[in-house]
Amino acid sequence: MLEALFILLLGLTPSLFSLWLLRQADARAQERFRLAVESVASRTLPPLRLDPEQQYVEGLGFIIGDLTCRYNARSSYVRCAVNPLGPCSGCTQYEPTEVE
């Protein structure tokens, strides 16, 4: 009887050891995750600085340029097809869009 109990205990030892190691690793991972969340939560982000010509349009995001111009690209990278880099104020190609 004692031999059977010893064999059973010997057979369960690796799985019990593995379970113990798994719990230890899980506890370490949870602690590292908690520290990472606390670290990110304590940081303050610098204020968002927008270009004066940047505007937010629902469904498009931030775009640059004059929205009333017919040639506006409605993009955050290019102002328009005619004058992609230059300022919209004083553009000779400005054409207002027709409001429907």
C-alpha atoms as a PDB file:
ATOM      1  CA  MET A   1       0.000   0.000   0.000  1.00  0.00           C
ATOM      2  CA  LEU A   2       2.807   2.390   0.887  1.00  0.00           C
ATOM      3  CA  GLU A   3       4.539   1.617  -2.418  1.00  0.00           C
ATOM      4  CA  ALA A   4       1.381   2.497  -4.406  1.00  0.00           C
ATOM      5  CA  LEU A   5       1.054   5.809  -2.563  1.00  0.00           C
ATOM      6  CA  PHE A   6       4.721   6.589  -3.239  1.00  0.00           C
ATOM      7  CA  ILE A   7       4.336   5.796  -6.960  1.00  0.00           C
ATOM      8  CA  LEU A   8       1.195   7.978  -7.167  1.00  0.00           C
ATOM      9  CA  LEU A   9       2.955  10.863  -5.407  1.00  0.00           C
ATOM     10  CA  LEU A  10       6.002  10.437  -7.628  1.00  0.00           C
ATOM     11  CA  GLY A  11       3.781  10.513 -10.735  1.00  0.00           C
ATOM     12  CA  LEU A  12       1.935  13.699  -9.643  1.00  0.00           C
ATOM     13  CA  THR A  13       5.068  15.611  -8.631  1.00  0.00           C
ATOM     14  CA  PRO A  14       5.991  16.950 -12.130  1.00  0.00           C
ATOM     15  CA  SER A  15       2.479  18.229 -12.814  1.00  0.00           C
ATOM     16  CA  LEU A  16       2.235  19.880  -9.372  1.00  0.00           C
ATOM     17  CA  PHE A  17       5.645  21.489  -9.901  1.00  0.00           C
ATOM     18  CA  SER A  18       4.547  22.693 -13.332  1.00  0.00           C
ATOM     19  CA  LEU A  19       1.331  24.147 -11.897  1.00  0.00           C
ATOM     20  CA  TRP A  20       3.315  25.973  -9.228  1.00  0.00           C
ATOM     21  CA  LEU A  21       5.685  27.451 -11.856  1.00  0.00           C
ATOM     22  CA  LEU A  22       2.745  28.511 -14.012  1.00  0.00           C
ATOM     23  CA  ARG A  23       1.114  30.347 -11.112  1.00  0.00           C
ATOM     24  CA  GLN A  24       4.397  32.082 -10.289  1.00  0.00           C
ATOM     25  CA  ALA A  25       4.846  33.225 -13.899  1.00  0.00           C
ATOM     26  CA  ASP A  26       1.245  34.439 -14.041  1.00  0.00           C
ATOM     27  CA  ALA A  27       1.706  36.454 -10.833  1.00  0.00           C
ATOM     28  CA  ARG A  28       4.882  38.051 -12.238  1.00  0.00           C
ATOM     29  CA  ALA A  29       3.125  38.916 -15.509  1.00  0.00           C
ATOM     30  CA  GLN A  30       0.177  40.475 -13.670  1.00  0.00           C
ATOM     31  CA  GLU A  31       2.531  42.574 -11.540  1.00  0.00           C
ATOM     32  CA  ARG A  32       4.484  43.778 -14.582  1.00  0.00           C
ATOM     33  CA  PHE A  33       1.225  44.645 -16.357  1.00  0.00           C
ATOM     34  CA  ARG A  34      -0.007  46.588 -13.314  1.00  0.00           C
ATOM     35  CA  LEU A  35       3.276  48.529 -13.151  1.00  0.00           C
ATOM     36  CA  ALA A  36       3.090  49.320 -16.876  1.00  0.00           C
ATOM     37  CA  VAL A  37      -0.474  50.617 -16.567  1.00  0.00           C
ATOM     38  CA  GLU A  38       0.454  52.772 -13.584  1.00  0.00           C
ATOM     39  CA  SER A  39       3.465  54.123 -15.458  1.00  0.00           C
ATOM     40  CA  VAL A  40       1.391  55.123 -18.470  1.00  0.00           C
ATOM     41  CA  ALA A  41      -1.395  56.578 -16.328  1.00  0.00           C
ATOM     42  CA  SER A  42       1.004  58.840 -14.440  1.00  0.00           C
ATOM     43  CA  ARG A  43       2.448  60.414 -17.579  1.00  0.00           C
ATOM     44  CA  THR A  44       1.081  63.678 -18.883  1.00  0.00           C
ATOM     45  CA  LEU A  45       0.922  64.231 -22.618  1.00  0.00           C
ATOM     46  CA  PRO A  46       1.947  67.537 -24.154  1.00  0.00           C
ATOM     47  CA  PRO A  47      -0.937  69.587 -25.525  1.00  0.00           C
ATOM     48  CA  LEU A  48      -1.872  68.910 -29.137  1.00  0.00           C
ATOM     49  CA  ARG A  49      -0.659  71.706 -31.393  1.00  0.00           C
ATOM     50  CA  LEU A  50      -2.621  72.027 -34.611  1.00  0.00           C
ATOM     51  CA  ASP A  51      -1.685  73.931 -37.713  1.00  0.00           C
ATOM     52  CA  PRO A  52      -3.842  77.084 -37.921  1.00  0.00           C
ATOM     53  CA  GLU A  53      -5.235  75.863 -41.248  1.00  0.00           C
ATOM     54  CA  GLN A  54      -6.108  72.412 -39.866  1.00  0.00           C
ATOM     55  CA  GLN A  55      -9.801  71.726 -39.301  1.00  0.00           C
ATOM     56  CA  TYR A  56     -11.638  68.622 -38.146  1.00  0.00           C
ATOM     57  CA  VAL A  57     -14.353  67.329 -40.473  1.00  0.00           C
ATOM     58  CA  GLU A  58     -16.604  64.503 -39.321  1.00  0.00           C
ATOM     59  CA  GLY A  59     -15.906  61.389 -41.392  1.00  0.00           C
ATOM     60  CA  LEU A  60     -12.685  62.780 -42.896  1.00  0.00           C
ATOM     61  CA  GLY A  61     -10.582  63.678 -39.866  1.00  0.00           C
ATOM     62  CA  PHE A  62      -8.198  66.641 -39.827  1.00  0.00           C
ATOM     63  CA  ILE A  63      -7.780  68.409 -43.150  1.00  0.00           C
ATOM     64  CA  ILE A  64      -5.780  71.457 -44.192  1.00  0.00           C
ATOM     65  CA  GLY A  65      -6.637  74.319 -46.456  1.00  0.00           C
ATOM     66  CA  ASP A  66      -9.760  76.333 -47.175  1.00  0.00           C
ATOM     67  CA  LEU A  67     -12.820  74.085 -47.244  1.00  0.00           C
ATOM     68  CA  THR A  68     -14.816  76.558 -49.278  1.00  0.00           C
ATOM     69  CA  CYS A  69     -12.445  76.241 -52.252  1.00  0.00           C
ATOM     70  CA  ARG A  70     -13.494  73.977 -55.115  1.00  0.00           C
ATOM     71  CA  TYR A  71      -9.968  72.564 -55.467  1.00  0.00           C
ATOM     72  CA  ASN A  72      -9.483  71.607 -51.800  1.00  0.00           C
ATOM     73  CA  ALA A  73      -8.123  68.053 -51.601  1.00  0.00           C
ATOM     74  CA  ARG A  74      -9.798  67.337 -48.240  1.00  0.00           C
ATOM     75  CA  SER A  75      -6.584  65.741 -47.026  1.00  0.00           C
ATOM     76  CA  SER A  76      -4.282  66.245 -44.050  1.00  0.00           C
ATOM     77  CA  TYR A  77      -1.247  66.258 -46.366  1.00  0.00           C
ATOM     78  CA  VAL A  78      -2.207  68.221 -49.507  1.00  0.00           C
ATOM     79  CA  ARG A  79      -4.159  71.486 -49.562  1.00  0.00           C
ATOM     80  CA  CYS A  80      -5.415  71.427 -53.133  1.00  0.00           C
ATOM     81  CA  ALA A  81      -4.661  70.216 -56.654  1.00  0.00           C
ATOM     82  CA  VAL A  82      -3.608  73.649 -57.914  1.00  0.00           C
ATOM     83  CA  ASN A  83      -1.548  74.916 -54.977  1.00  0.00           C
ATOM     84  CA  PRO A  84      -0.675  71.858 -52.838  1.00  0.00           C
ATOM     85  CA  LEU A  85       1.969  73.494 -50.626  1.00  0.00           C
ATOM     86  CA  GLY A  86       1.211  77.180 -50.604  1.00  0.00           C
ATOM     87  CA  PRO A  87      -1.173  79.068 -48.389  1.00  0.00           C
ATOM     88  CA  CYS A  88      -4.794  79.337 -49.455  1.00  0.00           C
ATOM     89  CA  SER A  89      -5.000  83.040 -48.653  1.00  0.00           C
ATOM     90  CA  GLY A  90      -4.362  85.066 -51.789  1.00  0.00           C
ATOM     91  CA  CYS A  91      -4.438  82.070 -54.156  1.00  0.00           C
ATOM     92  CA  THR A  92      -5.280  83.160 -57.699  1.00  0.00           C
ATOM     93  CA  GLN A  93      -7.025  79.861 -58.481  1.00  0.00           C
ATOM     94  CA  TYR A  94      -9.559  80.106 -55.634  1.00  0.00           C
ATOM     95  CA  GLU A  95     -13.088  79.144 -56.688  1.00  0.00           C
ATOM     96  CA  PRO A  96     -15.819  78.966 -54.058  1.00  0.00           C
ATOM     97  CA  THR A  97     -17.941  75.824 -54.039  1.00  0.00           C
ATOM     98  CA  GLU A  98     -21.624  76.088 -54.754  1.00  0.00           C
ATOM     99  CA  VAL A  99     -23.813  75.379 -51.745  1.00  0.00           C
ATOM    100  CA  GLU A 100     -26.674  73.047 -52.539  1.00  0.00           C
END
